[in-house]
Structure formats: structure tokens, C-alpha cells
Amino acid sequence: MIANINSILNHIYLPLMFLLVSSCYYENEEDLYGKLEEQVWTGNLITFTKIDDTDESLVEYQDRITDNVWITRNLSGGQIYNAVVESNPDKDTSPLGTEWAEGVINDYASLKYTTFREATVKPKNAVGKTFVVHLIADNIYLSVKIISWSNNKLGGFSYQRTSPS
């Protein structure tokens, strides 16, 4: 009798362990949480301005777009960054959690997205240009037009962006 039980357990043990382990494995976060529904923000324009020589850690100098993306710029010059996940900008990757493409929001699905720096080349030369920004974690697409960009490590910049509605 015990031999029969052991035999039965041996036959189901391996498949049961496989099912248990595989049910805990996720290829990526989409598998775990499901992909968020895509949103395209085409609502009213919001103007964000960070004044020269201001502390980027203050709420009023961060564009808190979502809980995952707060755009600001420090006094080291150059780059904007995402204050939610970065304490300083990185020229090659900031702002983390975003992808950028020069273009208009109506073309968002066909644009080729890259980093902020690759899309703008030199941010000071991007003044007047419009970009579509993908907020990756939120799966939101919005339009951003850069209005101003301070030189000489002053940290100021401004842009207009679309809102949800």
C-alpha cells in the first residue's frame, strides 16, 4: 500500500513542481501586471517652467506628469532627468522611464523613439521643436514643445505639453 502511494507521488511530484515553479516565473513586468492600456494625451496645453538658478528638488520646479515621471533639470547644465528614479541626469539615458521622438502626436504610433539626447541632439537647439514622449511605465504618449533652454549651467528650461483631456 505504501509502495503504491510512493509510486503515485513520484509520478505527480515532478509535473506538480514544474507547474508550481513555472507559475511563479514572469518573462517581464507585462506578464506580471498586464500591459497598461495605451493612452494618447491630446488635451489642453500645460506650460511648465523651471526658472534659472532654482532648486530642482522643490515641487514647483518638477513637472510631475504622473507618479512615475517628474521632469526637472539641475544646475550642472545639459540634461533633464526624471526625479522619481534619478537623483542626477545621465547624458546617455535621462530622463529614465521616457522615450522621445521628434514629430506630432497624431503620428505617435509610427515614430521611432529613442533617448531625449538622441532625439534632441543638443537640447538648446531643440527650442521650438515638437516631440512625442512615451511615458513607458504608464503607457502614455504626449506632445512636448520645448520653449526655452538656459545656457551656462543655470538649469532653466520650459516646455508646453498636452494633458489627458
N, C-alpha and C. Protein backbone atom coordinates (compact mmCIF):
# COMPACT_ATOMS: atom_id res chain seq x y z
N MET A 1 0.82 -1.19 0.00
CA MET A 1 0.00 0.00 0.00
C MET A 1 0.87 1.26 0.00
N ILE A 2 1.85 1.32 0.91
CA ILE A 2 2.75 2.47 0.96
C ILE A 2 3.55 2.57 -0.32
N ALA A 3 3.94 1.45 -0.89
CA ALA A 3 4.68 1.45 -2.14
C ALA A 3 3.84 2.06 -3.25
N ASN A 4 2.53 1.74 -3.27
CA ASN A 4 1.64 2.30 -4.28
C ASN A 4 1.51 3.82 -4.12
N ILE A 5 1.42 4.28 -2.87
CA ILE A 5 1.32 5.71 -2.62
C ILE A 5 2.59 6.41 -3.06
N ASN A 6 3.76 5.84 -2.71
CA ASN A 6 5.03 6.42 -3.14
C ASN A 6 5.14 6.47 -4.66
N SER A 7 4.68 5.43 -5.33
CA SER A 7 4.72 5.38 -6.78
C SER A 7 3.84 6.48 -7.38
N ILE A 8 2.66 6.64 -6.83
CA ILE A 8 1.75 7.68 -7.31
C ILE A 8 2.36 9.07 -7.08
N LEU A 9 2.91 9.29 -5.88
CA LEU A 9 3.52 10.59 -5.57
C LEU A 9 4.70 10.89 -6.48
N ASN A 10 5.50 9.86 -6.78
CA ASN A 10 6.64 10.07 -7.67
C ASN A 10 6.19 10.48 -9.07
N HIS A 11 5.06 9.96 -9.52
CA HIS A 11 4.56 10.29 -10.86
C HIS A 11 3.97 11.70 -10.94
N ILE A 12 3.46 12.20 -9.84
CA ILE A 12 2.87 13.54 -9.88
C ILE A 12 3.80 14.61 -9.32
N TYR A 13 4.83 14.21 -8.59
CA TYR A 13 5.72 15.19 -7.97
C TYR A 13 6.41 16.09 -8.99
N LEU A 14 7.06 15.51 -9.98
CA LEU A 14 7.80 16.30 -10.96
C LEU A 14 6.87 17.23 -11.75
N PRO A 15 5.77 16.74 -12.31
CA PRO A 15 4.87 17.67 -13.03
C PRO A 15 4.29 18.76 -12.11
N LEU A 16 3.99 18.39 -10.87
CA LEU A 16 3.45 19.36 -9.93
C LEU A 16 4.49 20.44 -9.61
N MET A 17 5.74 20.06 -9.40
CA MET A 17 6.80 21.02 -9.13
C MET A 17 7.02 21.93 -10.35
N PHE A 18 6.97 21.35 -11.54
CA PHE A 18 7.13 22.15 -12.76
C PHE A 18 6.03 23.21 -12.86
N LEU A 19 4.80 22.81 -12.61
CA LEU A 19 3.69 23.77 -12.66
C LEU A 19 3.84 24.85 -11.61
N LEU A 20 4.25 24.47 -10.43
CA LEU A 20 4.42 25.44 -9.35
C LEU A 20 5.51 26.46 -9.68
N VAL A 21 6.66 26.00 -10.13
CA VAL A 21 7.76 26.88 -10.45
C VAL A 21 7.42 27.75 -11.66
N SER A 22 6.85 27.18 -12.69
CA SER A 22 6.56 27.96 -13.90
C SER A 22 5.46 28.99 -13.66
N SER A 23 4.58 28.74 -12.71
CA SER A 23 3.53 29.72 -12.42
C SER A 23 4.09 30.94 -11.70
N CYS A 24 5.29 30.84 -11.14
CA CYS A 24 5.92 31.95 -10.43
C CYS A 24 6.89 32.72 -11.33
N TYR A 25 7.11 32.27 -12.54
CA TYR A 25 8.08 32.91 -13.42
C TYR A 25 7.37 33.86 -14.37
N TYR A 26 7.94 35.06 -14.53
CA TYR A 26 7.39 36.05 -15.45
C TYR A 26 8.50 36.52 -16.37
N GLU A 27 8.21 36.53 -17.65
CA GLU A 27 9.19 36.98 -18.64
C GLU A 27 9.54 38.44 -18.43
N ASN A 28 8.52 39.26 -18.09
CA ASN A 28 8.74 40.69 -17.85
C ASN A 28 7.57 41.22 -17.02
N GLU A 29 7.59 42.51 -16.71
CA GLU A 29 6.55 43.08 -15.87
C GLU A 29 5.18 43.03 -16.53
N GLU A 30 5.13 43.07 -17.85
CA GLU A 30 3.84 42.97 -18.52
C GLU A 30 3.15 41.66 -18.19
N ASP A 31 3.95 40.58 -18.11
CA ASP A 31 3.37 39.29 -17.75
C ASP A 31 2.79 39.32 -16.34
N LEU A 32 3.47 40.02 -15.45
CA LEU A 32 3.05 40.06 -14.05
C LEU A 32 1.84 40.97 -13.86
N TYR A 33 1.89 42.17 -14.40
CA TYR A 33 0.84 43.14 -14.16
C TYR A 33 -0.14 43.31 -15.30
N GLY A 34 0.19 42.77 -16.45
CA GLY A 34 -0.61 43.02 -17.64
C GLY A 34 -0.21 44.35 -18.23
N LYS A 35 -0.33 44.49 -19.50
CA LYS A 35 0.07 45.74 -20.15
C LYS A 35 -1.00 46.79 -19.90
N LEU A 36 -0.56 47.96 -19.49
CA LEU A 36 -1.49 49.06 -19.29
C LEU A 36 -2.05 49.49 -20.64
N GLU A 37 -3.29 49.88 -20.63
CA GLU A 37 -3.92 50.35 -21.86
C GLU A 37 -3.21 51.62 -22.33
N GLU A 38 -2.95 51.67 -23.60
CA GLU A 38 -2.28 52.81 -24.20
C GLU A 38 -3.18 54.05 -24.11
N GLN A 39 -2.56 55.17 -23.72
CA GLN A 39 -3.27 56.44 -23.66
C GLN A 39 -2.52 57.45 -24.51
N VAL A 40 -3.26 58.26 -25.24
CA VAL A 40 -2.67 59.33 -26.04
C VAL A 40 -3.29 60.62 -25.53
N TRP A 41 -2.44 61.46 -24.93
CA TRP A 41 -2.92 62.71 -24.37
C TRP A 41 -2.92 63.80 -25.43
N THR A 42 -4.11 64.31 -25.73
CA THR A 42 -4.27 65.38 -26.72
C THR A 42 -5.06 66.55 -26.15
N GLY A 43 -5.15 66.60 -24.82
CA GLY A 43 -5.93 67.65 -24.17
C GLY A 43 -5.24 69.00 -24.16
N ASN A 44 -5.74 69.88 -23.32
CA ASN A 44 -5.23 71.25 -23.22
C ASN A 44 -3.73 71.27 -22.95
N LEU A 45 -3.09 72.35 -23.40
CA LEU A 45 -1.66 72.52 -23.19
C LEU A 45 -1.37 72.99 -21.77
N ILE A 46 -0.34 72.42 -21.19
CA ILE A 46 0.18 72.82 -19.88
C ILE A 46 1.58 73.35 -20.13
N THR A 47 1.88 74.51 -19.59
CA THR A 47 3.23 75.07 -19.71
C THR A 47 3.97 74.84 -18.41
N PHE A 48 5.14 74.22 -18.51
CA PHE A 48 6.00 74.01 -17.35
C PHE A 48 7.25 74.85 -17.52
N THR A 49 7.64 75.54 -16.44
CA THR A 49 8.84 76.38 -16.46
C THR A 49 9.66 76.13 -15.21
N LYS A 50 10.94 75.88 -15.41
CA LYS A 50 11.90 75.85 -14.30
C LYS A 50 12.79 77.07 -14.50
N ILE A 51 12.75 77.95 -13.54
CA ILE A 51 13.48 79.21 -13.60
C ILE A 51 14.98 78.96 -13.35
N ASP A 52 15.82 79.77 -13.96
CA ASP A 52 17.27 79.68 -13.74
C ASP A 52 17.61 79.72 -12.26
N ASP A 53 18.68 79.00 -11.91
CA ASP A 53 19.23 79.01 -10.54
C ASP A 53 18.21 78.64 -9.46
N THR A 54 17.34 77.68 -9.74
CA THR A 54 16.37 77.24 -8.74
C THR A 54 16.64 75.78 -8.37
N ASP A 55 16.19 75.41 -7.20
CA ASP A 55 16.42 74.08 -6.63
C ASP A 55 15.46 73.08 -7.26
N GLU A 56 16.00 72.16 -8.04
CA GLU A 56 15.15 71.19 -8.74
C GLU A 56 14.46 70.20 -7.81
N SER A 57 14.84 70.15 -6.55
CA SER A 57 14.18 69.23 -5.61
C SER A 57 12.85 69.79 -5.11
N LEU A 58 12.59 71.06 -5.35
CA LEU A 58 11.32 71.66 -4.95
C LEU A 58 10.21 71.27 -5.92
N VAL A 59 9.05 70.97 -5.38
CA VAL A 59 7.91 70.51 -6.18
C VAL A 59 7.59 71.46 -7.33
N GLU A 60 7.66 72.75 -7.09
CA GLU A 60 7.29 73.71 -8.13
C GLU A 60 8.25 73.73 -9.31
N TYR A 61 9.42 73.09 -9.16
CA TYR A 61 10.39 73.03 -10.25
C TYR A 61 10.53 71.62 -10.82
N GLN A 62 9.50 70.83 -10.60
CA GLN A 62 9.41 69.48 -11.19
C GLN A 62 8.06 69.38 -11.90
N ASP A 63 8.06 68.95 -13.12
CA ASP A 63 6.79 68.70 -13.82
C ASP A 63 6.38 67.29 -13.47
N ARG A 64 5.49 67.17 -12.51
CA ARG A 64 5.04 65.87 -12.02
C ARG A 64 3.91 65.37 -12.92
N ILE A 65 4.31 64.78 -14.02
CA ILE A 65 3.38 64.37 -15.06
C ILE A 65 2.52 63.19 -14.57
N THR A 66 3.16 62.18 -14.01
CA THR A 66 2.47 61.03 -13.41
C THR A 66 3.25 60.67 -12.14
N ASP A 67 2.79 59.65 -11.43
CA ASP A 67 3.53 59.19 -10.26
C ASP A 67 4.89 58.62 -10.62
N ASN A 68 5.08 58.26 -11.88
CA ASN A 68 6.33 57.64 -12.34
C ASN A 68 7.30 58.59 -13.03
N VAL A 69 6.84 59.78 -13.40
CA VAL A 69 7.69 60.70 -14.17
C VAL A 69 7.54 62.13 -13.64
N TRP A 70 8.66 62.66 -13.10
CA TRP A 70 8.76 64.04 -12.65
C TRP A 70 9.97 64.65 -13.35
N ILE A 71 9.73 65.47 -14.35
CA ILE A 71 10.81 66.04 -15.15
C ILE A 71 11.34 67.32 -14.51
N THR A 72 12.68 67.42 -14.43
CA THR A 72 13.34 68.61 -13.91
C THR A 72 14.74 68.70 -14.51
N ARG A 73 15.46 69.72 -14.13
CA ARG A 73 16.84 69.93 -14.62
C ARG A 73 17.66 70.56 -13.50
N ASN A 74 18.87 70.07 -13.29
CA ASN A 74 19.70 70.65 -12.23
C ASN A 74 20.64 71.71 -12.79
N LEU A 75 21.50 72.23 -11.95
CA LEU A 75 22.36 73.35 -12.33
C LEU A 75 23.65 72.91 -13.01
N SER A 76 23.81 71.62 -13.24
CA SER A 76 25.04 71.15 -13.90
C SER A 76 24.98 71.40 -15.40
N GLY A 77 23.83 71.82 -15.90
CA GLY A 77 23.68 72.10 -17.32
C GLY A 77 23.23 70.87 -18.08
N GLY A 78 22.99 71.05 -19.33
CA GLY A 78 22.70 69.94 -20.23
C GLY A 78 21.36 69.28 -20.10
N GLN A 79 21.30 68.28 -19.30
CA GLN A 79 20.26 67.27 -19.38
C GLN A 79 19.10 67.47 -18.40
N ILE A 80 17.90 67.09 -18.84
CA ILE A 80 16.77 66.94 -17.92
C ILE A 80 16.80 65.52 -17.38
N TYR A 81 16.08 65.29 -16.30
CA TYR A 81 16.03 63.94 -15.74
C TYR A 81 14.71 63.69 -15.03
N ASN A 82 14.46 62.43 -14.68
CA ASN A 82 13.24 62.01 -14.01
C ASN A 82 13.54 61.89 -12.52
N ALA A 83 13.08 62.85 -11.73
CA ALA A 83 13.39 62.90 -10.30
C ALA A 83 12.78 61.75 -9.50
N VAL A 84 11.87 61.00 -10.06
CA VAL A 84 11.31 59.85 -9.35
C VAL A 84 12.37 58.75 -9.22
N VAL A 85 13.14 58.54 -10.27
CA VAL A 85 14.09 57.41 -10.29
C VAL A 85 15.55 57.82 -10.45
N GLU A 86 15.81 59.12 -10.60
CA GLU A 86 17.18 59.59 -10.77
C GLU A 86 17.43 60.76 -9.83
N SER A 87 18.65 60.83 -9.28
CA SER A 87 19.00 61.98 -8.46
C SER A 87 19.84 62.98 -9.24
N ASN A 88 20.38 62.54 -10.36
CA ASN A 88 21.18 63.39 -11.25
C ASN A 88 20.96 62.91 -12.68
N PRO A 89 21.15 63.80 -13.64
CA PRO A 89 20.96 63.39 -15.03
C PRO A 89 22.12 62.55 -15.56
N ASP A 90 21.81 61.71 -16.50
CA ASP A 90 22.81 60.96 -17.24
C ASP A 90 22.61 61.31 -18.71
N LYS A 91 23.63 61.85 -19.33
CA LYS A 91 23.52 62.35 -20.70
C LYS A 91 23.01 61.28 -21.67
N ASP A 92 23.37 60.02 -21.43
CA ASP A 92 23.00 58.96 -22.36
C ASP A 92 21.63 58.35 -22.12
N THR A 93 21.08 58.46 -20.91
CA THR A 93 19.84 57.73 -20.61
C THR A 93 18.70 58.58 -20.05
N SER A 94 19.00 59.73 -19.49
CA SER A 94 17.95 60.53 -18.84
C SER A 94 17.05 61.21 -19.86
N PRO A 95 15.84 61.47 -19.48
CA PRO A 95 15.16 61.04 -18.27
C PRO A 95 14.69 59.59 -18.37
N LEU A 96 15.08 58.80 -17.36
CA LEU A 96 14.69 57.39 -17.34
C LEU A 96 13.17 57.26 -17.33
N GLY A 97 12.69 56.20 -17.95
CA GLY A 97 11.25 55.95 -18.00
C GLY A 97 10.54 56.66 -19.12
N THR A 98 11.32 57.32 -20.00
CA THR A 98 10.72 58.02 -21.14
C THR A 98 11.44 57.65 -22.43
N GLU A 99 10.70 57.78 -23.53
CA GLU A 99 11.25 57.65 -24.89
C GLU A 99 10.78 58.86 -25.66
N TRP A 100 11.63 59.38 -26.55
CA TRP A 100 11.34 60.62 -27.26
C TRP A 100 11.47 60.43 -28.76
N ALA A 101 10.64 61.16 -29.50
CA ALA A 101 10.73 61.18 -30.96
C ALA A 101 10.27 62.55 -31.45
N GLU A 102 11.02 63.13 -32.38
CA GLU A 102 10.58 64.39 -32.95
C GLU A 102 9.40 64.09 -33.86
N GLY A 103 8.33 64.87 -33.71
CA GLY A 103 7.14 64.65 -34.52
C GLY A 103 5.90 65.17 -33.83
N VAL A 104 4.75 64.81 -34.38
CA VAL A 104 3.47 65.27 -33.84
C VAL A 104 2.69 64.09 -33.26
N ILE A 105 1.84 64.42 -32.32
CA ILE A 105 1.11 63.40 -31.57
C ILE A 105 0.24 62.51 -32.46
N ASN A 106 -0.28 63.05 -33.56
CA ASN A 106 -1.12 62.23 -34.45
C ASN A 106 -0.33 61.09 -35.09
N ASP A 107 0.99 61.22 -35.15
CA ASP A 107 1.85 60.19 -35.75
C ASP A 107 2.53 59.31 -34.70
N TYR A 108 2.08 59.36 -33.45
CA TYR A 108 2.79 58.69 -32.35
C TYR A 108 3.08 57.22 -32.63
N ALA A 109 2.16 56.52 -33.27
CA ALA A 109 2.31 55.07 -33.48
C ALA A 109 3.38 54.72 -34.50
N SER A 110 3.71 55.65 -35.38
CA SER A 110 4.68 55.34 -36.43
C SER A 110 6.06 55.96 -36.20
N LEU A 111 6.23 56.68 -35.10
CA LEU A 111 7.50 57.34 -34.82
C LEU A 111 8.53 56.36 -34.27
N LYS A 112 9.80 56.69 -34.44
CA LYS A 112 10.90 55.89 -33.90
C LYS A 112 11.39 56.58 -32.64
N TYR A 113 11.21 55.93 -31.48
CA TYR A 113 11.54 56.52 -30.19
C TYR A 113 12.96 56.17 -29.77
N THR A 114 13.56 57.12 -29.05
CA THR A 114 14.93 56.97 -28.58
C THR A 114 15.07 57.77 -27.29
N THR A 115 16.29 58.00 -26.85
CA THR A 115 16.51 58.80 -25.65
C THR A 115 16.30 60.28 -25.94
N PHE A 116 16.15 61.06 -24.88
CA PHE A 116 15.99 62.51 -25.02
C PHE A 116 17.15 63.11 -25.79
N ARG A 117 18.37 62.75 -25.41
CA ARG A 117 19.56 63.34 -26.03
C ARG A 117 19.66 62.96 -27.51
N GLU A 118 19.35 61.71 -27.84
CA GLU A 118 19.41 61.32 -29.25
C GLU A 118 18.34 62.05 -30.06
N ALA A 119 17.16 62.22 -29.46
CA ALA A 119 16.07 62.88 -30.18
C ALA A 119 16.33 64.37 -30.37
N THR A 120 16.91 65.02 -29.36
CA THR A 120 17.13 66.47 -29.44
C THR A 120 18.52 66.84 -29.95
N VAL A 121 19.46 65.91 -29.93
CA VAL A 121 20.87 66.09 -30.27
C VAL A 121 21.51 67.05 -29.26
N LYS A 122 21.23 68.32 -29.37
CA LYS A 122 21.65 69.31 -28.37
C LYS A 122 20.36 69.99 -27.92
N PRO A 123 19.98 69.84 -26.66
CA PRO A 123 18.71 70.41 -26.20
C PRO A 123 18.54 71.89 -26.51
N LYS A 124 19.61 72.68 -26.44
CA LYS A 124 19.48 74.12 -26.73
C LYS A 124 19.07 74.36 -28.18
N ASN A 125 19.37 73.40 -29.07
CA ASN A 125 18.97 73.52 -30.47
C ASN A 125 17.58 72.96 -30.74
N ALA A 126 16.96 72.41 -29.70
CA ALA A 126 15.62 71.84 -29.85
C ALA A 126 14.51 72.84 -29.52
N VAL A 127 14.89 74.05 -29.11
CA VAL A 127 13.89 75.08 -28.80
C VAL A 127 13.05 75.33 -30.05
N GLY A 128 11.74 75.29 -29.86
CA GLY A 128 10.80 75.48 -30.96
C GLY A 128 10.37 74.18 -31.62
N LYS A 129 11.03 73.08 -31.30
CA LYS A 129 10.68 71.79 -31.91
C LYS A 129 9.68 71.04 -31.04
N THR A 130 8.91 70.18 -31.70
CA THR A 130 7.89 69.39 -31.01
C THR A 130 8.29 67.93 -31.02
N PHE A 131 8.10 67.29 -29.87
CA PHE A 131 8.44 65.88 -29.68
C PHE A 131 7.23 65.14 -29.13
N VAL A 132 7.19 63.86 -29.42
CA VAL A 132 6.22 62.98 -28.77
C VAL A 132 7.01 62.19 -27.74
N VAL A 133 6.49 62.17 -26.52
CA VAL A 133 7.16 61.49 -25.42
C VAL A 133 6.30 60.32 -24.98
N HIS A 134 6.93 59.17 -24.85
CA HIS A 134 6.26 57.97 -24.34
C HIS A 134 6.68 57.77 -22.90
N LEU A 135 5.71 57.84 -21.98
CA LEU A 135 5.95 57.54 -20.57
C LEU A 135 5.77 56.03 -20.44
N ILE A 136 6.86 55.31 -20.39
CA ILE A 136 6.87 53.87 -20.56
C ILE A 136 6.02 53.14 -19.53
N ALA A 137 6.24 53.38 -18.24
CA ALA A 137 5.53 52.64 -17.19
C ALA A 137 4.03 52.89 -17.23
N ASP A 138 3.65 54.10 -17.65
CA ASP A 138 2.23 54.45 -17.70
C ASP A 138 1.59 54.18 -19.05
N ASN A 139 2.42 53.89 -20.05
CA ASN A 139 1.99 53.68 -21.44
C ASN A 139 1.17 54.87 -21.95
N ILE A 140 1.74 56.06 -21.71
CA ILE A 140 1.11 57.31 -22.12
C ILE A 140 1.99 57.99 -23.17
N TYR A 141 1.34 58.52 -24.19
CA TYR A 141 2.02 59.32 -25.22
C TYR A 141 1.50 60.75 -25.11
N LEU A 142 2.42 61.71 -25.11
CA LEU A 142 2.03 63.12 -25.05
C LEU A 142 2.96 63.95 -25.91
N SER A 143 2.51 65.12 -26.23
CA SER A 143 3.28 66.03 -27.08
C SER A 143 4.00 67.04 -26.19
N VAL A 144 5.27 67.32 -26.52
CA VAL A 144 6.08 68.30 -25.78
C VAL A 144 6.74 69.23 -26.79
N LYS A 145 6.52 70.53 -26.62
CA LYS A 145 7.20 71.54 -27.44
C LYS A 145 8.13 72.32 -26.52
N ILE A 146 9.42 72.25 -26.81
CA ILE A 146 10.40 72.95 -25.98
C ILE A 146 10.36 74.43 -26.32
N ILE A 147 10.18 75.26 -25.29
CA ILE A 147 10.03 76.70 -25.47
C ILE A 147 11.34 77.44 -25.19
N SER A 148 12.04 77.02 -24.12
CA SER A 148 13.30 77.71 -23.79
C SER A 148 14.28 76.74 -23.15
N TRP A 149 15.56 77.10 -23.24
CA TRP A 149 16.63 76.26 -22.69
C TRP A 149 17.79 77.17 -22.29
N SER A 150 18.04 77.30 -20.99
CA SER A 150 19.11 78.19 -20.49
C SER A 150 20.48 77.57 -20.69
N ASN A 151 21.44 78.42 -21.00
CA ASN A 151 22.85 78.02 -21.13
C ASN A 151 23.59 78.35 -19.84
N ASN A 152 24.87 78.07 -19.84
CA ASN A 152 25.78 78.44 -18.75
C ASN A 152 25.42 77.81 -17.40
N LYS A 153 24.94 76.59 -17.43
CA LYS A 153 24.65 75.82 -16.21
C LYS A 153 23.70 76.54 -15.26
N LEU A 154 22.69 77.18 -15.81
CA LEU A 154 21.70 77.87 -14.99
C LEU A 154 20.50 76.97 -14.66
N GLY A 155 20.29 75.92 -15.44
CA GLY A 155 19.26 74.93 -15.13
C GLY A 155 17.84 75.30 -15.52
N GLY A 156 17.65 76.39 -16.19
CA GLY A 156 16.31 76.78 -16.58
C GLY A 156 15.88 76.16 -17.90
N PHE A 157 14.59 75.92 -18.03
CA PHE A 157 14.01 75.45 -19.28
C PHE A 157 12.50 75.55 -19.17
N SER A 158 11.82 75.48 -20.30
CA SER A 158 10.37 75.45 -20.29
C SER A 158 9.87 74.71 -21.51
N TYR A 159 8.67 74.17 -21.36
CA TYR A 159 8.02 73.49 -22.47
C TYR A 159 6.51 73.52 -22.28
N GLN A 160 5.83 73.26 -23.37
CA GLN A 160 4.39 73.05 -23.32
C GLN A 160 4.14 71.58 -23.63
N ARG A 161 3.21 70.99 -22.88
CA ARG A 161 2.86 69.59 -23.13
C ARG A 161 1.35 69.42 -23.11
N THR A 162 0.92 68.36 -23.75
CA THR A 162 -0.51 68.07 -23.74
C THR A 162 -0.90 67.39 -22.43
N SER A 163 -2.16 67.52 -22.08
CA SER A 163 -2.73 66.93 -20.88
C SER A 163 -3.67 65.80 -21.26
N PRO A 164 -4.16 65.05 -20.27
CA PRO A 164 -5.05 63.92 -20.60
C PRO A 164 -6.29 64.35 -21.39
N SER A 165 -6.94 65.42 -20.98
CA SER A 165 -8.12 65.92 -21.71
C SER A 165 -8.60 67.21 -21.12
